[in-house]
Amino acid sequence: MTPSAMTYWYEIDSPVGKLLLAGDGLHLTRLCFQSGLHPMRPDADWATSREPFETAIAQLREYFQGRRRRFELPLAPAGTDFQRRVWRALAAIPYGKTMSYGELAHRIGNPRASRAVGLANGANPLPIIVPCHRVIGANGSLTGFGGGLPIKRALLALENALPGTREDHSGQGTLWA
């Protein structure tokens, strides 16, 4: 089956506010926080449908209930090669762990790219699922997050990963679909 040219979207409630899901009917391409300063407005030619997102909705519900630590969804985020490399590295940060932008830059083999990694992190179109909230400042501080720092704090608290609550802040894993 080939991806449809149609873009579908659906909005759900979550413990961190409304989330807008978007995709091509086969892949999830975006997850947007709707309660922040820049909610996403679906294009006029997008179709509203819950059906393409049933699995994502179920997995997000399980995540927020503390019963899911890893998402298993077909993803198709649009971005540059560098961004996609950073997002794959983000997806490898295990549940309950955090790492700094510098550590993430080392992980992708470009230790001097902390700022570029930060920009790619901020451009992540699939927050929560590709866990950009797990990236923190080198000093352990919570730094910028597209959904806002209160949401970042809530997601890290859910995972028991707030800085200062664990000794080990790095890890390995794979979540990329």
Protein backbone atom coordinates (compact mmCIF):
# COMPACT_ATOMS: atom_id res chain seq x y z
CA MET A 1 0.00 0.00 0.00
CA THR A 2 1.41 3.43 -0.87
CA PRO A 3 0.95 6.54 1.24
CA SER A 4 -2.02 8.69 0.39
CA ALA A 5 -1.53 12.23 -0.85
CA MET A 6 -4.16 13.22 1.70
CA THR A 7 -3.16 14.59 5.08
CA TYR A 8 -5.33 13.56 8.01
CA TRP A 9 -5.53 15.16 11.41
CA TYR A 10 -7.22 14.62 14.73
CA GLU A 11 -7.09 16.41 18.06
CA ILE A 12 -7.07 14.61 21.42
CA ASP A 13 -7.10 15.62 25.06
CA SER A 14 -4.12 14.65 27.19
CA PRO A 15 -2.81 15.42 30.67
CA VAL A 16 -0.59 18.11 29.07
CA GLY A 17 -3.39 19.70 27.05
CA LYS A 18 -4.79 19.17 23.59
CA LEU A 19 -2.54 17.40 21.08
CA LEU A 20 -3.00 17.57 17.33
CA LEU A 21 -1.94 14.47 15.41
CA ALA A 22 -1.31 14.63 11.66
CA GLY A 23 -0.28 12.03 9.12
CA ASP A 24 -0.72 10.55 5.69
CA GLY A 25 -3.00 7.71 6.74
CA LEU A 26 -0.09 5.29 7.17
CA HIS A 27 2.51 7.32 9.06
CA LEU A 28 2.39 9.84 11.87
CA THR A 29 4.10 13.00 10.63
CA ARG A 30 3.31 15.56 13.35
CA LEU A 31 2.25 15.86 16.96
CA CYS A 32 1.58 19.42 18.08
CA PHE A 33 0.87 20.91 21.50
CA GLN A 34 -2.26 22.99 21.04
CA SER A 35 -2.22 24.85 24.36
CA GLY A 36 1.01 26.77 23.72
CA LEU A 37 1.68 30.07 22.03
CA HIS A 38 1.72 28.55 18.55
CA PRO A 39 -1.03 25.95 18.11
CA MET A 40 -1.09 24.29 14.72
CA ARG A 41 -4.00 25.03 12.45
CA PRO A 42 -4.74 22.25 9.95
CA ASP A 43 -4.70 23.29 6.32
CA ALA A 44 -8.13 23.63 4.74
CA ASP A 45 -7.55 20.60 2.51
CA TRP A 46 -6.68 18.27 5.42
CA ALA A 47 -9.31 15.72 6.42
CA THR A 48 -10.36 15.18 10.02
CA SER A 49 -10.40 11.51 10.95
CA ARG A 50 -9.68 9.60 14.14
CA GLU A 51 -9.24 6.26 12.37
CA PRO A 52 -5.65 6.72 11.07
CA PHE A 53 -4.53 7.60 14.60
CA GLU A 54 -6.16 4.87 16.71
CA THR A 55 -2.85 3.13 17.47
CA ALA A 56 -1.08 6.41 18.25
CA ILE A 57 -3.95 7.51 20.51
CA ALA A 58 -3.89 4.19 22.37
CA GLN A 59 -0.10 4.32 22.81
CA LEU A 60 -0.20 7.94 24.00
CA ARG A 61 -2.92 7.03 26.50
CA GLU A 62 -0.75 4.15 27.78
CA TYR A 63 2.26 6.49 28.02
CA PHE A 64 0.34 9.03 30.09
CA GLN A 65 -0.93 6.22 32.34
CA GLY A 66 2.68 5.14 32.94
CA ARG A 67 2.15 1.82 31.14
CA ARG A 68 4.15 2.52 27.95
CA ARG A 69 7.82 3.38 27.81
CA ARG A 70 8.41 2.96 24.09
CA PHE A 71 6.31 3.97 21.10
CA GLU A 72 5.94 1.54 18.22
CA LEU A 73 4.45 3.60 15.43
CA PRO A 74 5.23 4.17 11.76
CA LEU A 75 6.74 7.65 11.66
CA ALA A 76 7.56 9.92 8.72
CA PRO A 77 8.85 13.23 10.05
CA ALA A 78 9.88 15.74 7.38
CA GLY A 79 13.29 17.32 7.93
CA THR A 80 16.84 17.67 6.72
CA ASP A 81 19.27 14.76 6.91
CA PHE A 82 20.92 16.38 9.94
CA GLN A 83 17.58 16.88 11.71
CA ARG A 84 16.57 13.28 11.04
CA ARG A 85 19.91 12.09 12.44
CA VAL A 86 19.30 14.11 15.61
CA TRP A 87 15.72 12.81 15.86
CA ARG A 88 16.93 9.21 15.57
CA ALA A 89 19.37 9.91 18.40
CA LEU A 90 16.53 11.45 20.43
CA ALA A 91 14.47 8.33 19.87
CA ALA A 92 17.31 6.29 21.37
CA ILE A 93 17.17 8.11 24.73
CA PRO A 94 15.40 5.63 27.01
CA TYR A 95 12.34 6.39 29.06
CA GLY A 96 13.29 7.90 32.39
CA LYS A 97 16.70 9.13 31.20
CA THR A 98 17.94 12.53 30.14
CA MET A 99 21.01 13.81 28.33
CA SER A 100 22.49 17.20 27.48
CA TYR A 101 22.66 18.80 24.06
CA GLY A 102 26.43 18.23 24.15
CA GLU A 103 25.98 14.53 24.90
CA LEU A 104 23.51 14.29 22.05
CA ALA A 105 25.98 16.04 19.71
CA HIS A 106 28.64 13.48 20.72
CA ARG A 107 26.19 10.66 20.11
CA ILE A 108 25.63 11.75 16.50
CA GLY A 109 29.38 12.03 15.97
CA ASN A 110 29.56 15.82 15.87
CA PRO A 111 30.67 16.98 19.34
CA ARG A 112 30.90 20.66 18.33
CA ALA A 113 27.31 20.79 17.10
CA SER A 114 25.50 21.41 20.40
CA ARG A 115 23.72 24.50 19.08
CA ALA A 116 22.75 22.83 15.80
CA VAL A 117 21.51 19.85 17.81
CA GLY A 118 19.44 22.26 19.90
CA LEU A 119 17.89 23.76 16.77
CA ALA A 120 17.09 20.32 15.36
CA ASN A 121 15.67 19.32 18.73
CA GLY A 122 13.41 22.38 18.63
CA ALA A 123 12.26 21.48 15.11
CA ASN A 124 11.20 17.95 16.15
CA PRO A 125 7.73 17.47 14.61
CA LEU A 126 6.91 14.49 16.88
CA PRO A 127 7.48 15.55 20.50
CA ILE A 128 6.69 12.97 23.19
CA ILE A 129 6.99 10.14 20.63
CA VAL A 130 10.48 11.30 19.59
CA PRO A 131 11.33 12.42 23.13
CA CYS A 132 12.97 15.84 22.79
CA HIS A 133 11.78 16.58 26.33
CA ARG A 134 14.57 14.28 27.55
CA VAL A 135 17.26 16.76 26.47
CA ILE A 136 18.39 19.17 29.18
CA GLY A 137 21.10 21.76 29.70
CA ALA A 138 24.65 20.64 30.53
CA ASN A 139 24.13 21.89 34.10
CA GLY A 140 20.95 19.84 34.49
CA SER A 141 18.61 22.78 33.92
CA LEU A 142 15.40 22.49 31.96
CA THR A 143 15.86 24.45 28.76
CA GLY A 144 13.53 25.48 25.94
CA PHE A 145 10.75 23.22 24.81
CA GLY A 146 8.18 23.83 22.07
CA GLY A 147 5.33 22.86 24.36
CA GLY A 148 6.64 25.12 27.14
CA LEU A 149 8.71 24.30 30.21
CA PRO A 150 5.68 23.29 32.35
CA ILE A 151 4.88 20.53 29.83
CA LYS A 152 8.54 19.46 29.67
CA ARG A 153 8.60 19.31 33.47
CA ALA A 154 5.36 17.28 33.52
CA LEU A 155 6.68 14.77 30.96
CA LEU A 156 9.96 14.33 32.85
CA ALA A 157 8.06 13.99 36.14
CA LEU A 158 5.86 11.31 34.58
CA GLU A 159 9.03 9.43 33.65
CA ASN A 160 10.65 10.14 37.06
CA ALA A 161 13.47 11.82 35.13
CA LEU A 162 13.53 15.37 36.47
CA PRO A 163 17.16 16.50 36.74
CA GLY A 164 18.59 15.67 40.13
CA THR A 165 16.31 12.66 40.66
CA ARG A 166 18.59 10.10 38.99
CA GLU A 167 22.34 9.55 38.92
CA ASP A 168 22.49 8.13 35.39
CA HIS A 169 21.34 10.70 32.82
CA SER A 170 22.32 8.91 29.66
CA GLY A 171 21.35 5.64 28.10
CA GLN A 172 20.84 3.64 24.98
CA GLY A 173 17.77 2.27 23.30
CA THR A 174 15.85 2.47 20.10
CA LEU A 175 12.37 3.79 19.54
CA TRP A 176 12.55 4.85 15.90
CA ALA A 177 9.93 3.07 13.81
